[in-house]
Amino acid sequence: MVSANKSSSSSLDCKGDAFNMDAALKKELLSSWWAWRNGNHVEFWQREYDKHGKCSDNVFPKTEYFRKTLAVYHDFDIAQTLQKANIVPQPLQPKMSLYKLYSIDQITKAIKSETGRRTFRRYQMLSTKPEEQHERK
């Protein structure tokens, strides 16, 4: 997600506009965004807007927060970037469900090499179990 600040802290108390999404933007998000764990996309988008987008109101209008995020998503193919750096899912042994792990430094270096930009060291670690989902900084 696009963040107006480098800390991305959820404790910020920004006073931006309330979450509001028009039908066209919702359709675009639904066609581009991956499925969220409980299937409630709008609730997820509202939470992300409340966390980051409200703090962006002084930079761009409320729905522009999601449009900018989608533009970054469409302009930057993370899968292709990681593949170029040979960061791909690889089973440790044939027919195993355990996969090779890559360091945050390897991922960050691959992204910076492709984009020329420094990335923030904050990655969403996803599991199929909500209680195992966490963010890593």
C-alpha atoms as a PDB file:
ATOM      1  CA  MET A   1       0.000   0.000   0.000  1.00  0.00           C
ATOM      2  CA  VAL A   2       1.026   3.562  -0.585  1.00  0.00           C
ATOM      3  CA  SER A   3       1.911   5.287   2.643  1.00  0.00           C
ATOM      4  CA  ALA A   4       2.259   9.012   3.202  1.00  0.00           C
ATOM      5  CA  ASN A   5       4.907   8.459   5.820  1.00  0.00           C
ATOM      6  CA  LYS A   6       7.909   6.214   6.283  1.00  0.00           C
ATOM      7  CA  SER A   7       6.834   4.814   9.637  1.00  0.00           C
ATOM      8  CA  SER A   8       3.556   3.296   8.377  1.00  0.00           C
ATOM      9  CA  SER A   9       2.502   3.236  11.978  1.00  0.00           C
ATOM     10  CA  SER A  10      -1.084   2.293  12.660  1.00  0.00           C
ATOM     11  CA  SER A  11      -1.041   4.538  15.735  1.00  0.00           C
ATOM     12  CA  LEU A  12      -1.224   7.720  13.640  1.00  0.00           C
ATOM     13  CA  ASP A  13      -4.333   9.779  14.247  1.00  0.00           C
ATOM     14  CA  CYS A  14      -4.888  11.404  10.871  1.00  0.00           C
ATOM     15  CA  LYS A  15      -7.927  13.577  10.343  1.00  0.00           C
ATOM     16  CA  GLY A  16      -8.525  12.889   6.641  1.00  0.00           C
ATOM     17  CA  ASP A  17     -11.862  12.326   4.942  1.00  0.00           C
ATOM     18  CA  ALA A  18     -13.943   9.263   5.731  1.00  0.00           C
ATOM     19  CA  PHE A  19     -13.539   6.193   3.536  1.00  0.00           C
ATOM     20  CA  ASN A  20     -15.638   6.390   0.376  1.00  0.00           C
ATOM     21  CA  MET A  21     -15.302   4.438  -2.844  1.00  0.00           C
ATOM     22  CA  ASP A  22     -17.111   4.928  -6.131  1.00  0.00           C
ATOM     23  CA  ALA A  23     -18.342   1.963  -8.198  1.00  0.00           C
ATOM     24  CA  ALA A  24     -15.687   2.369 -10.921  1.00  0.00           C
ATOM     25  CA  LEU A  25     -12.823   2.299  -8.429  1.00  0.00           C
ATOM     26  CA  LYS A  26     -14.338  -0.685  -6.621  1.00  0.00           C
ATOM     27  CA  LYS A  27     -14.583  -2.577  -9.935  1.00  0.00           C
ATOM     28  CA  GLU A  28     -10.948  -1.773 -10.755  1.00  0.00           C
ATOM     29  CA  LEU A  29      -9.767  -2.891  -7.322  1.00  0.00           C
ATOM     30  CA  LEU A  30     -11.758  -6.130  -7.540  1.00  0.00           C
ATOM     31  CA  SER A  31     -10.168  -6.950 -10.905  1.00  0.00           C
ATOM     32  CA  SER A  32      -6.603  -6.282  -9.719  1.00  0.00           C
ATOM     33  CA  TRP A  33      -6.459  -7.107  -6.045  1.00  0.00           C
ATOM     34  CA  TRP A  34      -5.793 -10.540  -4.609  1.00  0.00           C
ATOM     35  CA  ALA A  35      -8.443 -12.124  -2.412  1.00  0.00           C
ATOM     36  CA  TRP A  36      -8.250 -11.174   1.227  1.00  0.00           C
ATOM     37  CA  ARG A  37      -8.412 -13.871   3.895  1.00  0.00           C
ATOM     38  CA  ASN A  38     -12.064 -13.413   4.848  1.00  0.00           C
ATOM     39  CA  GLY A  39     -13.256 -12.332   1.420  1.00  0.00           C
ATOM     40  CA  ASN A  40     -14.450  -8.924   2.648  1.00  0.00           C
ATOM     41  CA  HIS A  41     -12.480  -6.715   0.276  1.00  0.00           C
ATOM     42  CA  VAL A  42     -14.226  -3.446   1.109  1.00  0.00           C
ATOM     43  CA  GLU A  43     -13.569  -3.913   4.831  1.00  0.00           C
ATOM     44  CA  PHE A  44      -9.884  -4.563   4.083  1.00  0.00           C
ATOM     45  CA  TRP A  45      -9.629  -1.510   1.809  1.00  0.00           C
ATOM     46  CA  GLN A  46     -11.326   0.659   4.432  1.00  0.00           C
ATOM     47  CA  ARG A  47      -8.880  -0.521   7.099  1.00  0.00           C
ATOM     48  CA  GLU A  48      -5.914   0.252   4.805  1.00  0.00           C
ATOM     49  CA  TYR A  49      -7.331   3.674   3.918  1.00  0.00           C
ATOM     50  CA  ASP A  50      -7.927   4.471   7.586  1.00  0.00           C
ATOM     51  CA  LYS A  51      -4.375   3.343   8.388  1.00  0.00           C
ATOM     52  CA  HIS A  52      -2.515   5.055   5.509  1.00  0.00           C
ATOM     53  CA  GLY A  53      -4.856   6.933   3.175  1.00  0.00           C
ATOM     54  CA  LYS A  54      -6.263   9.432   5.663  1.00  0.00           C
ATOM     55  CA  CYS A  55      -2.720  10.647   6.220  1.00  0.00           C
ATOM     56  CA  SER A  56      -2.422  11.235   2.465  1.00  0.00           C
ATOM     57  CA  ASP A  57      -5.359  13.651   2.221  1.00  0.00           C
ATOM     58  CA  ASN A  58      -2.991  16.618   2.182  1.00  0.00           C
ATOM     59  CA  VAL A  59      -1.124  15.018  -0.769  1.00  0.00           C
ATOM     60  CA  PHE A  60      -4.007  13.797  -2.940  1.00  0.00           C
ATOM     61  CA  PRO A  61      -7.797  13.268  -2.686  1.00  0.00           C
ATOM     62  CA  LYS A  62      -9.187  10.236  -0.867  1.00  0.00           C
ATOM     63  CA  THR A  63      -9.972   7.950  -3.813  1.00  0.00           C
ATOM     64  CA  GLU A  64      -6.681   8.954  -5.419  1.00  0.00           C
ATOM     65  CA  TYR A  65      -4.955   6.981  -2.633  1.00  0.00           C
ATOM     66  CA  PHE A  66      -6.238   3.733  -4.149  1.00  0.00           C
ATOM     67  CA  ARG A  67      -5.673   4.894  -7.720  1.00  0.00           C
ATOM     68  CA  LYS A  68      -2.009   5.657  -6.911  1.00  0.00           C
ATOM     69  CA  THR A  69      -1.646   2.254  -5.245  1.00  0.00           C
ATOM     70  CA  LEU A  70      -3.114   0.549  -8.328  1.00  0.00           C
ATOM     71  CA  ALA A  71      -0.779   2.539 -10.593  1.00  0.00           C
ATOM     72  CA  VAL A  72       2.231   1.270  -8.638  1.00  0.00           C
ATOM     73  CA  TYR A  73       0.801  -2.258  -8.799  1.00  0.00           C
ATOM     74  CA  HIS A  74       0.337  -2.078 -12.584  1.00  0.00           C
ATOM     75  CA  ASP A  75       3.691  -0.372 -13.255  1.00  0.00           C
ATOM     76  CA  PHE A  76       5.782  -2.715 -11.132  1.00  0.00           C
ATOM     77  CA  ASP A  77       5.655  -6.473 -11.702  1.00  0.00           C
ATOM     78  CA  ILE A  78       7.024  -7.825  -8.426  1.00  0.00           C
ATOM     79  CA  ALA A  79       6.871 -11.463  -9.573  1.00  0.00           C
ATOM     80  CA  GLN A  80       8.944 -10.707 -12.676  1.00  0.00           C
ATOM     81  CA  THR A  81      11.410  -8.624 -10.659  1.00  0.00           C
ATOM     82  CA  LEU A  82      11.949 -11.413  -8.153  1.00  0.00           C
ATOM     83  CA  GLN A  83      12.213 -14.006 -10.912  1.00  0.00           C
ATOM     84  CA  LYS A  84      14.971 -11.947 -12.601  1.00  0.00           C
ATOM     85  CA  ALA A  85      16.877 -12.179  -9.311  1.00  0.00           C
ATOM     86  CA  ASN A  86      16.254 -15.954  -9.218  1.00  0.00           C
ATOM     87  CA  ILE A  87      13.925 -15.555  -6.253  1.00  0.00           C
ATOM     88  CA  VAL A  88      11.270 -18.115  -7.105  1.00  0.00           C
ATOM     89  CA  PRO A  89       9.335 -20.788  -5.206  1.00  0.00           C
ATOM     90  CA  GLN A  90      11.587 -23.834  -5.015  1.00  0.00           C
ATOM     91  CA  PRO A  91      10.734 -27.010  -3.096  1.00  0.00           C
ATOM     92  CA  LEU A  92      13.593 -28.091  -0.852  1.00  0.00           C
ATOM     93  CA  GLN A  93      13.092 -31.618  -2.169  1.00  0.00           C
ATOM     94  CA  PRO A  94      10.778 -33.004  -4.852  1.00  0.00           C
ATOM     95  CA  LYS A  95       7.174 -33.444  -3.696  1.00  0.00           C
ATOM     96  CA  MET A  96       7.788 -31.511  -0.461  1.00  0.00           C
ATOM     97  CA  SER A  97       5.631 -28.711   0.849  1.00  0.00           C
ATOM     98  CA  LEU A  98       8.662 -26.945   2.350  1.00  0.00           C
ATOM     99  CA  TYR A  99      10.149 -24.252   0.159  1.00  0.00           C
ATOM    100  CA  LYS A 100      13.444 -22.426   0.003  1.00  0.00           C
ATOM    101  CA  LEU A 101      13.420 -19.204   2.007  1.00  0.00           C
ATOM    102  CA  TYR A 102      14.909 -15.921   0.858  1.00  0.00           C
ATOM    103  CA  SER A 103      16.208 -13.176   3.107  1.00  0.00           C
ATOM    104  CA  ILE A 104      14.659  -9.740   3.313  1.00  0.00           C
ATOM    105  CA  ASP A 105      18.004  -8.376   2.096  1.00  0.00           C
ATOM    106  CA  GLN A 106      17.810 -10.527  -1.065  1.00  0.00           C
ATOM    107  CA  ILE A 107      14.280  -9.316  -1.783  1.00  0.00           C
ATOM    108  CA  THR A 108      15.109  -5.677  -1.028  1.00  0.00           C
ATOM    109  CA  LYS A 109      18.210  -5.804  -3.249  1.00  0.00           C
ATOM    110  CA  ALA A 110      16.199  -7.299  -6.140  1.00  0.00           C
ATOM    111  CA  ILE A 111      13.528  -4.599  -5.891  1.00  0.00           C
ATOM    112  CA  LYS A 112      16.071  -1.775  -5.618  1.00  0.00           C
ATOM    113  CA  SER A 113      18.020  -3.176  -8.573  1.00  0.00           C
ATOM    114  CA  GLU A 114      14.888  -3.122 -10.745  1.00  0.00           C
ATOM    115  CA  THR A 115      13.316   0.145  -9.594  1.00  0.00           C
ATOM    116  CA  GLY A 116      16.317   2.142  -8.443  1.00  0.00           C
ATOM    117  CA  ARG A 117      14.369   2.902  -5.290  1.00  0.00           C
ATOM    118  CA  ARG A 118      14.895   1.930  -1.706  1.00  0.00           C
ATOM    119  CA  THR A 119      12.092  -0.166  -0.306  1.00  0.00           C
ATOM    120  CA  PHE A 120      10.771  -0.031   3.196  1.00  0.00           C
ATOM    121  CA  ARG A 121      11.519  -3.132   5.171  1.00  0.00           C
ATOM    122  CA  ARG A 122       7.944  -4.017   5.874  1.00  0.00           C
ATOM    123  CA  TYR A 123       6.499  -7.131   4.337  1.00  0.00           C
ATOM    124  CA  GLN A 124       3.220  -8.881   4.962  1.00  0.00           C
ATOM    125  CA  MET A 125       3.805 -12.482   5.928  1.00  0.00           C
ATOM    126  CA  LEU A 126       0.698 -14.386   4.935  1.00  0.00           C
ATOM    127  CA  SER A 127      -0.598 -17.675   6.185  1.00  0.00           C
ATOM    128  CA  THR A 128      -3.894 -19.391   5.564  1.00  0.00           C
ATOM    129  CA  LYS A 129      -4.633 -19.057   9.279  1.00  0.00           C
ATOM    130  CA  PRO A 130      -5.560 -15.502  10.374  1.00  0.00           C
ATOM    131  CA  GLU A 131      -3.947 -16.005  13.787  1.00  0.00           C
ATOM    132  CA  GLU A 132      -0.621 -16.706  12.051  1.00  0.00           C
ATOM    133  CA  GLN A 133      -0.669 -13.583   9.895  1.00  0.00           C
ATOM    134  CA  HIS A 134       1.695 -10.833  10.900  1.00  0.00           C
ATOM    135  CA  GLU A 135       3.720  -7.986   9.539  1.00  0.00           C
ATOM    136  CA  ARG A 136       7.468  -7.961   9.654  1.00  0.00           C
ATOM    137  CA  LYS A 137       9.427  -4.728   9.814  1.00  0.00           C
END
